[in-house]
């Protein structure tokens, strides 16, 4: 009997990995790095708009080019991490991410800022898939893995709170570029501690890294999202249609190539799992629906309601608090009830909260906005944590990097499409306002430009311009929130159907 039980005991101890929780603390630093960067950009947008004077289209590019590039490279970088080592690609990517953050901070033109954001996307594509893949390999016990994923997601949510608060403080005391420099100390801790604590993991038999597949994935994603963005902003043109067809053709070629390669970058057969496919689709549509709110909320708080940057950061705190609290208990809730109940319920809650935001005005009190943000955060915490767990548990360990990349690709693609579609709706609605005589044409590009233009006008004319511009901005926010609510409520119904019978593992 002893000889029978001892191997099981040894295997169990090996699976527990004594340093796994310390290693997790390093992984969540990488998540914090990305989350902080994403949130401070929205807070700094009014200052970037004032200093660099981008057009409305350039402002959207500054907001979404990071997502375009990262969405195009996530699958390739996740697969590369499976091949060369997830620890190696994580620490290398974090180092480059910190260095490129300096270029973002000192950008002097809109074009240079767009380039810096694109390069940051290249570095960012190495981080998120590696963190989730390492969690998959660190935590073999399903309940521990659910908690680890919950902490991972809660840290991302905490980053959305830390970013605006720290960023708001910096914006009140320093120039806007300082918000990007906060990445440097986080990166330094991550690399120095990660070298000692993170275990290396990789696919033992990965096959070659197919460069043709990398190019097809990158070209397909960027071209397709660009076409959607341009069509939403300027309508369909021959150029837009051509770029869209190029993107679709590249993605079709990517899928066909993966089905024929003996060692594909992404095993397309994984999508035969209905639970995994449903979770990925839910993530994509959820972020799409939320993107308009995320990108424009800071501008509403600062330029419409007149809050200082630090105060605006604190105003967004309820969403992060709700997401952290829900993320930590999401796995337990999914096991007690069901995966589809938790995911669909979270999505429905977010949809209803966005619908409530269609009642916002310039003078809306904070309790209404704070309550809506809290509900959005709770819904996101439940939904994203459970879908991430479903995706990780649905693949073999050696493909954890590629599967994690699929999850993150859905997130980034949803963000890019959301900013492109809902942001374009918002921009189109804003541009239609009628200002007083003498209103500069540039004031119609963005609300930040209108605020800047008003400083050179007589008080009465400046007030008329700001009132008209703010009313138009709020109207656009109503449209974006309403469209997001429809998307989220429809996604809730779809998740209920696609995730039927899906369960989280309770034991190995």
Protein backbone atom coordinates (compact mmCIF):
# COMPACT_ATOMS: atom_id res chain seq x y z
CA UNK A 1 0.00 0.00 0.00
CA UNK A 2 2.83 2.37 0.81
CA UNK A 3 4.41 1.93 -2.59
CA UNK A 4 1.07 2.73 -4.22
CA UNK A 5 0.37 5.92 -2.28
CA UNK A 6 3.83 7.49 -2.29
CA UNK A 7 4.00 8.40 -6.00
CA UNK A 8 0.60 10.10 -5.76
CA UNK A 9 1.83 12.07 -2.76
CA UNK A 10 4.99 13.13 -4.58
CA UNK A 11 3.03 14.14 -7.68
CA UNK A 12 0.65 16.23 -5.59
CA UNK A 13 3.53 18.03 -3.91
CA UNK A 14 5.15 18.68 -7.29
CA UNK A 15 1.91 20.12 -8.58
CA UNK A 16 1.63 22.49 -5.61
CA UNK A 17 4.90 24.33 -6.46
CA UNK A 18 5.76 25.93 -3.07
CA UNK A 19 6.71 29.32 -4.57
CA UNK A 20 3.65 29.63 -6.77
CA UNK A 21 1.98 32.48 -4.85
CA UNK A 22 5.15 34.58 -4.81
CA UNK A 23 5.51 33.91 -8.54
CA UNK A 24 1.90 35.01 -9.01
CA UNK A 25 2.71 38.34 -7.37
CA UNK A 26 5.28 38.96 -10.11
CA UNK A 27 2.80 38.04 -12.84
CA UNK A 28 0.19 40.45 -11.56
CA UNK A 29 2.76 43.25 -11.72
CA UNK A 30 2.84 42.74 -15.50
CA UNK A 31 -0.95 42.96 -15.58
CA UNK A 32 -0.75 46.12 -13.48
CA UNK A 33 1.75 47.57 -15.94
CA UNK A 34 -0.61 47.14 -18.89
CA UNK A 35 -3.75 48.21 -17.01
CA UNK A 36 -2.20 51.39 -15.67
CA UNK A 37 -0.94 52.33 -19.13
CA UNK A 38 -4.38 51.85 -20.67
CA UNK A 39 -6.20 53.97 -18.09
CA UNK A 40 -3.78 56.88 -17.84
CA UNK A 41 -4.03 57.43 -21.58
CA UNK A 42 -7.72 58.27 -21.29
CA UNK A 43 -7.03 60.61 -18.37
CA UNK A 44 -4.21 62.35 -20.23
CA UNK A 45 -6.14 62.69 -23.50
CA UNK A 46 -7.33 66.28 -22.85
CA UNK A 47 -3.75 67.37 -22.15
CA UNK A 48 -2.35 65.51 -25.15
CA UNK A 49 -5.06 67.11 -27.28
CA UNK A 50 -4.15 70.58 -25.99
CA UNK A 51 -0.39 70.16 -26.34
CA UNK A 52 0.01 68.11 -29.54
CA UNK A 53 -3.15 69.47 -31.24
CA UNK A 54 -4.14 66.22 -33.01
CA UNK A 55 -7.12 66.09 -35.34
CA UNK A 56 -10.13 64.04 -34.27
CA UNK A 57 -8.93 61.15 -36.41
CA UNK A 58 -5.41 61.35 -34.98
CA UNK A 59 -6.84 61.38 -31.47
CA UNK A 60 -8.70 58.14 -32.22
CA UNK A 61 -5.51 56.64 -33.64
CA UNK A 62 -3.62 57.56 -30.47
CA UNK A 63 -6.33 55.74 -28.54
CA UNK A 64 -6.62 52.61 -30.64
CA UNK A 65 -3.35 51.96 -32.50
CA UNK A 66 -1.99 50.19 -29.42
CA UNK A 67 -4.95 47.81 -29.57
CA UNK A 68 -4.56 47.33 -33.34
CA UNK A 69 -0.94 46.23 -33.05
CA UNK A 70 -1.33 44.16 -29.93
CA UNK A 71 -4.35 42.34 -31.39
CA UNK A 72 -2.36 41.50 -34.49
CA UNK A 73 0.61 40.12 -32.56
CA UNK A 74 -0.89 38.42 -29.51
CA UNK A 75 -1.34 34.99 -31.08
CA UNK A 76 2.15 35.11 -32.57
CA UNK A 77 3.75 36.21 -29.30
CA UNK A 78 1.79 33.68 -27.27
CA UNK A 79 2.98 30.93 -29.59
CA UNK A 80 6.54 32.30 -29.46
CA UNK A 81 6.43 32.13 -25.66
CA UNK A 82 5.35 28.48 -25.89
CA UNK A 83 8.47 27.88 -27.97
CA UNK A 84 11.27 29.94 -26.44
CA UNK A 85 9.98 30.13 -22.87
CA UNK A 86 7.20 32.16 -21.25
CA UNK A 87 9.43 33.57 -18.54
CA UNK A 88 11.96 34.75 -21.10
CA UNK A 89 9.43 36.50 -23.30
CA UNK A 90 7.64 38.05 -20.31
CA UNK A 91 10.76 39.60 -18.80
CA UNK A 92 12.10 40.71 -22.17
CA UNK A 93 8.78 42.26 -23.11
CA UNK A 94 8.52 44.07 -19.77
CA UNK A 95 11.96 45.62 -20.28
CA UNK A 96 11.07 46.87 -23.76
CA UNK A 97 7.65 48.06 -22.53
CA UNK A 98 9.35 50.30 -19.97
CA UNK A 99 11.79 51.69 -22.51
CA UNK A 100 9.06 52.51 -25.05
CA UNK A 101 7.05 54.21 -22.30
CA UNK A 102 9.79 56.85 -22.22
CA UNK A 103 9.25 57.49 -25.94
CA UNK A 104 5.51 57.95 -25.25
CA UNK A 105 6.29 60.42 -22.50
CA UNK A 106 8.47 62.62 -24.70
CA UNK A 107 6.47 62.50 -27.94
CA UNK A 108 6.36 65.97 -29.53
CA UNK A 109 3.94 65.45 -32.43
CA UNK A 110 0.73 63.45 -32.97
CA UNK A 111 2.55 61.28 -35.52
CA UNK A 112 5.34 60.44 -33.07
CA UNK A 113 2.77 59.67 -30.37
CA UNK A 114 0.95 57.27 -32.69
CA UNK A 115 4.26 55.56 -33.54
CA UNK A 116 5.17 55.28 -29.85
CA UNK A 117 1.80 53.73 -29.05
CA UNK A 118 2.25 51.24 -31.89
CA UNK A 119 5.69 50.20 -30.61
CA UNK A 120 4.24 49.86 -27.13
CA UNK A 121 1.70 47.46 -28.63
CA UNK A 122 4.52 45.26 -29.91
CA UNK A 123 5.98 45.03 -26.40
CA UNK A 124 2.58 44.67 -24.77
CA UNK A 125 1.76 41.67 -26.95
CA UNK A 126 4.42 39.68 -25.10
CA UNK A 127 3.07 40.33 -21.60
CA UNK A 128 -0.54 39.23 -21.18
CA UNK A 129 -0.39 35.79 -22.86
CA UNK A 130 2.73 34.93 -20.88
CA UNK A 131 1.12 35.82 -17.55
CA UNK A 132 -1.97 33.66 -18.08
CA UNK A 133 0.07 30.80 -19.54
CA UNK A 134 2.38 30.81 -16.52
CA UNK A 135 -0.65 30.75 -14.21
CA UNK A 136 -1.89 27.69 -16.11
CA UNK A 137 1.43 25.98 -15.48
CA UNK A 138 1.88 27.16 -11.88
CA UNK A 139 -1.55 26.14 -10.60
CA UNK A 140 -2.71 22.63 -11.43
CA UNK A 141 -5.41 22.46 -8.78
CA UNK A 142 -8.60 23.83 -10.43
CA UNK A 143 -9.80 25.71 -7.35
CA UNK A 144 -6.41 27.32 -6.79
CA UNK A 145 -6.23 28.20 -10.48
CA UNK A 146 -9.64 29.89 -10.28
CA UNK A 147 -8.45 31.95 -7.32
CA UNK A 148 -5.22 32.81 -9.13
CA UNK A 149 -7.13 33.90 -12.22
CA UNK A 150 -9.41 35.94 -9.97
CA UNK A 151 -6.40 37.68 -8.43
CA UNK A 152 -4.98 38.21 -11.92
CA UNK A 153 -8.22 39.83 -13.06
CA UNK A 154 -8.63 41.78 -9.82
CA UNK A 155 -5.16 43.25 -10.30
CA UNK A 156 -6.08 44.40 -13.79
CA UNK A 157 -9.15 46.07 -12.29
CA UNK A 158 -7.07 47.57 -9.50
CA UNK A 159 -4.78 48.95 -12.19
CA UNK A 160 -7.73 50.77 -13.71
CA UNK A 161 -8.17 52.47 -10.33
CA UNK A 162 -4.50 53.07 -9.56
CA UNK A 163 -3.87 54.49 -13.04
CA UNK A 164 -6.37 57.37 -12.87
CA UNK A 165 -5.56 58.23 -9.25
CA UNK A 166 -1.79 58.25 -9.66
CA UNK A 167 -2.13 59.73 -13.15
CA UNK A 168 -4.46 62.43 -11.88
CA UNK A 169 -1.97 63.39 -9.16
CA UNK A 170 0.87 63.54 -11.70
CA UNK A 171 -1.18 65.58 -14.18
CA UNK A 172 -1.91 68.17 -11.52
CA UNK A 173 1.78 68.55 -10.63
CA UNK A 174 3.75 67.63 -13.78
CA UNK A 175 3.39 67.54 -17.57
CA UNK A 176 1.25 64.88 -19.25
CA UNK A 177 4.24 62.73 -20.25
CA UNK A 178 4.85 61.89 -16.60
CA UNK A 179 1.88 59.49 -16.57
CA UNK A 180 3.78 57.13 -18.86
CA UNK A 181 6.91 57.18 -16.72
CA UNK A 182 5.09 55.44 -13.85
CA UNK A 183 5.61 52.24 -15.87
CA UNK A 184 9.34 52.33 -15.14
CA UNK A 185 9.41 51.43 -11.42
CA UNK A 186 6.81 48.69 -11.94
CA UNK A 187 8.86 47.25 -14.80
CA UNK A 188 12.04 47.34 -12.73
CA UNK A 189 10.48 45.42 -9.83
CA UNK A 190 8.89 42.92 -12.21
CA UNK A 191 12.15 42.10 -13.96
CA UNK A 192 14.39 41.98 -10.89
CA UNK A 193 12.02 39.85 -8.82
CA UNK A 194 10.81 37.77 -11.76
CA UNK A 195 14.32 36.61 -12.62
CA UNK A 196 14.53 34.89 -9.23
CA UNK A 197 10.98 33.67 -8.65
CA UNK A 198 9.37 32.72 -11.96
CA UNK A 199 9.85 29.16 -13.23
CA UNK A 200 10.53 28.76 -16.94
CA UNK A 201 7.97 26.78 -18.95
CA UNK A 202 7.58 26.00 -22.61
CA UNK A 203 6.12 23.46 -25.00
CA UNK A 204 8.57 20.52 -25.01
CA UNK A 205 7.88 19.76 -28.67
CA UNK A 206 6.72 23.05 -30.24
CA UNK A 207 7.83 22.80 -33.86
CA UNK A 208 9.12 25.81 -35.83
CA UNK A 209 7.72 29.35 -35.44
CA UNK A 210 6.07 29.96 -38.79
CA UNK A 211 6.87 33.50 -39.96
CA UNK A 212 4.32 33.36 -42.78
CA UNK A 213 1.59 32.76 -40.20
CA UNK A 214 2.91 35.68 -38.14
CA UNK A 215 2.69 38.04 -41.13
CA UNK A 216 -0.78 36.79 -42.11
CA UNK A 217 -2.06 37.29 -38.56
CA UNK A 218 -0.60 40.78 -38.24
CA UNK A 219 -1.72 42.01 -41.67
CA UNK A 220 -5.17 40.46 -41.29
CA UNK A 221 -5.93 41.94 -37.88
CA UNK A 222 -4.60 45.44 -38.57
CA UNK A 223 -6.15 45.72 -42.02
CA UNK A 224 -9.56 44.46 -40.94
CA UNK A 225 -9.81 46.71 -37.88
CA UNK A 226 -8.52 49.68 -39.86
CA UNK A 227 -11.20 49.12 -42.49
CA UNK A 228 -13.92 48.98 -39.85
CA UNK A 229 -12.63 52.18 -38.28
CA UNK A 230 -12.45 54.07 -41.55
CA UNK A 231 -15.87 52.83 -42.71
CA UNK A 232 -17.44 53.93 -39.43
CA UNK A 233 -15.78 57.36 -39.64
CA UNK A 234 -15.88 58.22 -43.35
CA UNK A 235 -18.18 55.63 -44.91
CA UNK A 236 -17.26 52.96 -47.43
CA UNK A 237 -14.73 53.97 -50.05
CA UNK A 238 -12.78 51.94 -52.56
CA UNK A 239 -9.68 52.18 -50.36
CA UNK A 240 -11.58 51.08 -47.24
CA UNK A 241 -13.16 48.18 -49.10
CA UNK A 242 -9.80 47.12 -50.53
CA UNK A 243 -8.10 47.18 -47.14
CA UNK A 244 -10.99 45.26 -45.59
CA UNK A 245 -10.81 42.57 -48.27
CA UNK A 246 -7.05 42.34 -47.80
CA UNK A 247 -7.53 41.80 -44.06
CA UNK A 248 -10.23 39.18 -44.56
CA UNK A 249 -8.10 37.36 -47.13
CA UNK A 250 -5.07 37.38 -44.82
CA UNK A 251 -7.07 35.98 -41.91
CA UNK A 252 -8.60 33.33 -44.16
CA UNK A 253 -5.11 32.38 -45.29
CA UNK A 254 -3.98 32.27 -41.66
CA UNK A 255 -6.77 29.86 -40.69
CA UNK A 256 -6.16 27.62 -43.72
CA UNK A 257 -2.44 27.54 -43.01
CA UNK A 258 -2.97 26.60 -39.35
CA UNK A 259 -5.13 23.65 -40.43
CA UNK A 260 -2.34 22.29 -42.65
CA UNK A 261 0.76 22.92 -40.52
CA UNK A 262 1.96 20.03 -38.34
CA UNK A 263 2.86 22.55 -35.60
CA UNK A 264 0.55 25.57 -36.06
CA UNK A 265 0.85 28.87 -34.23
CA UNK A 266 -2.76 28.35 -33.15
CA UNK A 267 -4.48 24.98 -33.19
CA UNK A 268 -7.84 25.86 -34.75
CA UNK A 269 -9.33 22.61 -33.48
CA UNK A 270 -9.48 24.18 -30.03
CA UNK A 271 -12.50 26.15 -31.19
CA UNK A 272 -14.51 22.96 -31.53
CA UNK A 273 -14.94 23.32 -27.78
CA UNK A 274 -18.18 25.27 -27.53
CA UNK A 275 -17.35 26.56 -24.06
CA UNK A 276 -14.02 28.00 -25.19
CA UNK A 277 -15.54 29.56 -28.31
CA UNK A 278 -18.42 31.02 -26.31
CA UNK A 279 -16.05 32.49 -23.71
CA UNK A 280 -13.82 34.09 -26.35
CA UNK A 281 -16.81 35.60 -28.19
CA UNK A 282 -18.29 36.90 -24.93
CA UNK A 283 -15.01 38.64 -24.04
CA UNK A 284 -14.74 40.27 -27.47
CA UNK A 285 -18.29 41.64 -27.50
CA UNK A 286 -18.15 42.73 -23.87
CA UNK A 287 -15.09 44.89 -24.39
CA UNK A 288 -16.58 46.22 -27.63
CA UNK A 289 -19.66 47.37 -25.72
CA UNK A 290 -17.66 48.96 -22.90
CA UNK A 291 -14.99 50.69 -24.99
CA UNK A 292 -16.93 53.84 -25.73
CA UNK A 293 -17.54 54.44 -22.03
CA UNK A 294 -13.95 53.66 -21.03
CA UNK A 295 -12.39 55.94 -23.64
CA UNK A 296 -14.68 58.95 -23.17
CA UNK A 297 -15.52 58.82 -19.44
CA UNK A 298 -12.44 60.76 -18.33
CA UNK A 299 -13.18 63.48 -20.86
CA UNK A 300 -16.75 63.70 -19.56
CA UNK A 301 -15.60 64.02 -15.96
CA UNK A 302 -12.92 66.64 -16.70
CA UNK A 303 -14.13 68.64 -19.69
CA UNK A 304 -17.91 68.47 -19.15
CA UNK A 305 -18.24 68.39 -15.36
CA UNK A 306 -15.06 70.36 -14.69
CA UNK A 307 -13.38 67.92 -12.29
CA UNK A 308 -9.66 68.07 -11.68
CA UNK A 309 -7.65 65.07 -12.96
CA UNK A 310 -7.12 63.58 -9.49
CA UNK A 311 -10.80 63.99 -8.67
CA UNK A 312 -11.74 62.39 -12.00
CA UNK A 313 -9.51 59.44 -11.16
CA UNK A 314 -11.21 58.97 -7.80
CA UNK A 315 -14.60 59.20 -9.50
CA UNK A 316 -13.81 56.10 -11.56
CA UNK A 317 -12.85 54.08 -8.47
CA UNK A 318 -16.20 52.25 -7.94
CA UNK A 319 -15.76 50.27 -11.17
CA UNK A 320 -12.41 48.92 -10.00
CA UNK A 321 -13.68 48.16 -6.49
CA UNK A 322 -16.61 46.20 -7.88
CA UNK A 323 -14.43 44.27 -10.31
CA UNK A 324 -11.87 43.34 -7.63
CA UNK A 325 -14.55 42.11 -5.21
CA UNK A 326 -16.43 40.12 -7.86
CA UNK A 327 -13.28 38.67 -9.42
CA UNK A 328 -12.14 37.13 -6.13
CA UNK A 329 -15.40 35.20 -5.63
CA UNK A 330 -16.32 34.55 -9.27
CA UNK A 331 -14.89 31.02 -9.40
CA UNK A 332 -16.75 29.98 -6.27
CA UNK A 333 -19.97 31.49 -7.59
CA UNK A 334 -19.62 29.67 -10.92
CA UNK A 335 -19.20 26.34 -9.13
CA UNK A 336 -22.13 26.92 -6.81
CA UNK A 337 -24.52 28.09 -9.51
CA UNK A 338 -23.26 27.66 -13.09
CA UNK A 339 -20.82 29.19 -15.51
CA UNK A 340 -23.51 30.54 -17.79
CA UNK A 341 -25.49 32.05 -14.89
CA UNK A 342 -22.49 34.01 -13.62
CA UNK A 343 -21.29 35.15 -17.04
CA UNK A 344 -24.74 36.02 -18.42
CA UNK A 345 -25.74 37.74 -15.19
CA UNK A 346 -22.59 39.85 -15.20
CA UNK A 347 -23.12 40.86 -18.82
CA UNK A 348 -26.76 41.77 -18.22
CA UNK A 349 -25.80 43.90 -15.22
CA UNK A 350 -23.26 45.81 -17.30
CA UNK A 351 -25.80 46.31 -20.09
CA UNK A 352 -28.39 47.77 -17.72
CA UNK A 353 -25.79 50.05 -16.13
CA UNK A 354 -24.79 51.42 -19.53
CA UNK A 355 -28.46 51.95 -20.36
CA UNK A 356 -28.75 54.06 -17.20
CA UNK A 357 -25.87 56.24 -18.40
CA UNK A 358 -27.97 57.43 -21.34
CA UNK A 359 -29.64 59.76 -18.82
CA UNK A 360 -26.41 61.64 -18.01
CA UNK A 361 -26.29 65.41 -18.41
CA UNK A 362 -23.75 68.11 -17.65
CA UNK A 363 -25.19 68.50 -14.14
CA UNK A 364 -25.83 64.84 -13.24
CA UNK A 365 -24.89 64.16 -9.61
CA UNK A 366 -22.14 61.71 -8.81
CA UNK A 367 -24.32 59.11 -6.99
CA UNK A 368 -25.95 58.12 -10.28
CA UNK A 369 -22.64 57.79 -12.10
CA UNK A 370 -20.90 56.10 -9.17
CA UNK A 371 -23.66 53.49 -8.79
CA UNK A 372 -23.59 52.70 -12.51
CA UNK A 373 -19.80 52.31 -12.47
CA UNK A 374 -20.01 50.00 -9.46
CA UNK A 375 -22.48 47.74 -11.27
CA UNK A 376 -20.28 47.75 -14.39
CA UNK A 377 -17.30 46.72 -12.27
CA UNK A 378 -19.13 43.88 -10.51
CA UNK A 379 -20.47 42.54 -13.79
CA UNK A 380 -17.05 42.70 -15.42
CA UNK A 381 -15.38 40.99 -12.46
CA UNK A 382 -17.75 38.04 -12.62
CA UNK A 383 -17.77 37.71 -16.40
CA UNK A 384 -14.10 38.15 -17.29
CA UNK A 385 -12.77 35.99 -14.46
CA UNK A 386 -14.97 33.01 -15.30
CA UNK A 387 -14.41 33.20 -19.06
CA UNK A 388 -10.63 33.35 -18.54
CA UNK A 389 -10.83 30.23 -16.35
CA UNK A 390 -12.94 28.43 -18.96
CA UNK A 391 -10.42 29.24 -21.70
CA UNK A 392 -7.38 28.15 -19.65
CA UNK A 393 -8.98 24.92 -18.47
CA UNK A 394 -10.09 23.98 -21.97
CA UNK A 395 -6.62 23.52 -23.51
CA UNK A 396 -3.61 21.24 -22.92
CA UNK A 397 -0.88 22.73 -20.75
CA UNK A 398 1.64 22.91 -23.60
CA UNK A 399 -0.73 25.17 -25.58
CA UNK A 400 -1.41 27.53 -22.68
CA UNK A 401 0.41 30.43 -24.33
CA UNK A 402 -1.55 30.26 -27.57
CA UNK A 403 -4.85 29.84 -25.72
CA UNK A 404 -4.07 32.80 -23.45
CA UNK A 405 -3.23 34.81 -26.53
CA UNK A 406 -6.65 33.99 -28.00
CA UNK A 407 -8.28 35.31 -24.83
CA UNK A 408 -6.24 38.50 -24.93
CA UNK A 409 -6.76 38.90 -28.67
CA UNK A 410 -10.50 38.91 -28.08
CA UNK A 411 -10.00 41.60 -25.45
CA UNK A 412 -7.78 43.80 -27.58
CA UNK A 413 -9.75 43.29 -30.78
CA UNK A 414 -12.92 44.17 -28.91
CA UNK A 415 -11.25 47.33 -27.57
CA UNK A 416 -10.04 48.34 -31.03
CA UNK A 417 -13.40 47.70 -32.67
CA UNK A 418 -15.23 49.38 -29.81
CA UNK A 419 -13.16 52.55 -30.00
CA UNK A 420 -13.45 52.48 -33.78
CA UNK A 421 -17.21 51.95 -33.93
CA UNK A 422 -18.52 53.59 -30.75
CA UNK A 423 -15.80 56.22 -30.83
CA UNK A 424 -16.71 57.09 -34.39
CA UNK A 425 -20.40 57.36 -33.42
CA UNK A 426 -19.36 59.65 -30.60
CA UNK A 427 -17.12 61.79 -32.80
CA UNK A 428 -19.73 62.09 -35.55
CA UNK A 429 -22.38 63.19 -33.06
CA UNK A 430 -20.04 65.72 -31.48
CA UNK A 431 -19.03 67.36 -34.74
CA UNK A 432 -22.63 68.32 -35.56
CA UNK A 433 -22.94 71.04 -32.91
CA UNK A 434 -23.57 74.63 -33.97
CA UNK A 435 -21.33 77.10 -32.17
CA UNK A 436 -21.52 80.88 -32.03
CA UNK A 437 -20.24 83.03 -34.86
CA UNK A 438 -16.49 82.89 -35.13
CA UNK A 439 -16.15 79.34 -33.81
CA UNK A 440 -12.88 77.89 -35.20
CA UNK A 441 -13.24 74.82 -37.38
CA UNK A 442 -10.79 72.98 -35.13
CA UNK A 443 -13.26 73.20 -32.23
CA UNK A 444 -15.35 70.56 -34.02
CA UNK A 445 -12.50 68.04 -33.95
CA UNK A 446 -12.68 67.26 -30.23
CA UNK A 447 -14.04 68.66 -26.99
CA UNK A 448 -10.49 69.34 -25.85
CA UNK A 449 -9.97 71.51 -28.93
CA UNK A 450 -13.18 73.40 -28.19
CA UNK A 451 -12.04 74.09 -24.61
CA UNK A 452 -8.70 75.34 -25.91
CA UNK A 453 -10.39 77.55 -28.53
CA UNK A 454 -12.67 79.09 -25.90
CA UNK A 455 -9.68 80.52 -24.00
CA UNK A 456 -9.09 83.01 -26.83
CA UNK A 457 -12.70 84.25 -27.03
CA UNK A 458 -14.69 86.88 -25.18
CA UNK A 459 -16.39 85.41 -22.05
CA UNK A 460 -19.93 85.43 -23.48
CA UNK A 461 -18.87 83.81 -26.77
CA UNK A 462 -16.65 81.31 -24.95
CA UNK A 463 -19.55 80.22 -22.72
CA UNK A 464 -21.84 79.75 -25.71
CA UNK A 465 -19.22 77.64 -27.47
CA UNK A 466 -18.56 75.47 -24.41
CA UNK A 467 -22.27 74.93 -23.72
CA UNK A 468 -22.90 73.85 -27.31
CA UNK A 469 -19.82 71.62 -27.45
CA UNK A 470 -20.55 69.97 -24.09
CA UNK A 471 -24.20 69.33 -24.97
CA UNK A 472 -23.10 67.72 -28.22
CA UNK A 473 -20.47 65.63 -26.41
CA UNK A 474 -23.02 64.36 -23.89
CA UNK A 475 -25.40 63.51 -26.73
CA UNK A 476 -22.66 61.47 -28.35
CA UNK A 477 -21.97 59.76 -25.03
CA UNK A 478 -25.66 58.83 -24.83
CA UNK A 479 -25.48 57.21 -28.26
CA UNK A 480 -22.29 55.30 -27.43
CA UNK A 481 -23.68 54.13 -24.07
CA UNK A 482 -26.97 53.06 -25.64
CA UNK A 483 -25.21 51.12 -28.39
CA UNK A 484 -22.94 49.49 -25.80
CA UNK A 485 -25.95 48.51 -23.70
CA UNK A 486 -27.58 46.78 -26.68
CA UNK A 487 -24.35 44.88 -27.44
CA UNK A 488 -23.94 43.72 -23.83
CA UNK A 489 -27.55 42.62 -23.38
CA UNK A 490 -27.41 40.66 -26.65
CA UNK A 491 -24.10 39.11 -25.56
CA UNK A 492 -25.72 38.07 -22.28
CA UNK A 493 -28.33 36.09 -24.19
CA UNK A 494 -25.68 34.56 -26.45
CA UNK A 495 -23.52 33.53 -23.48
CA UNK A 496 -26.52 31.83 -21.85
CA UNK A 497 -26.95 29.70 -24.96
CA UNK A 498 -23.30 29.00 -25.80
CA UNK A 499 -22.16 28.22 -22.26
CA UNK A 500 -24.95 25.76 -21.51
CA UNK A 501 -23.59 22.77 -19.59
CA UNK A 502 -20.16 24.38 -19.14
CA UNK A 503 -18.61 23.78 -15.70
CA UNK A 504 -15.43 24.73 -13.93
CA UNK A 505 -13.31 21.83 -12.74
CA UNK A 506 -13.51 21.05 -9.04
CA UNK A 507 -10.62 18.55 -8.92
CA UNK A 508 -7.97 17.13 -11.22
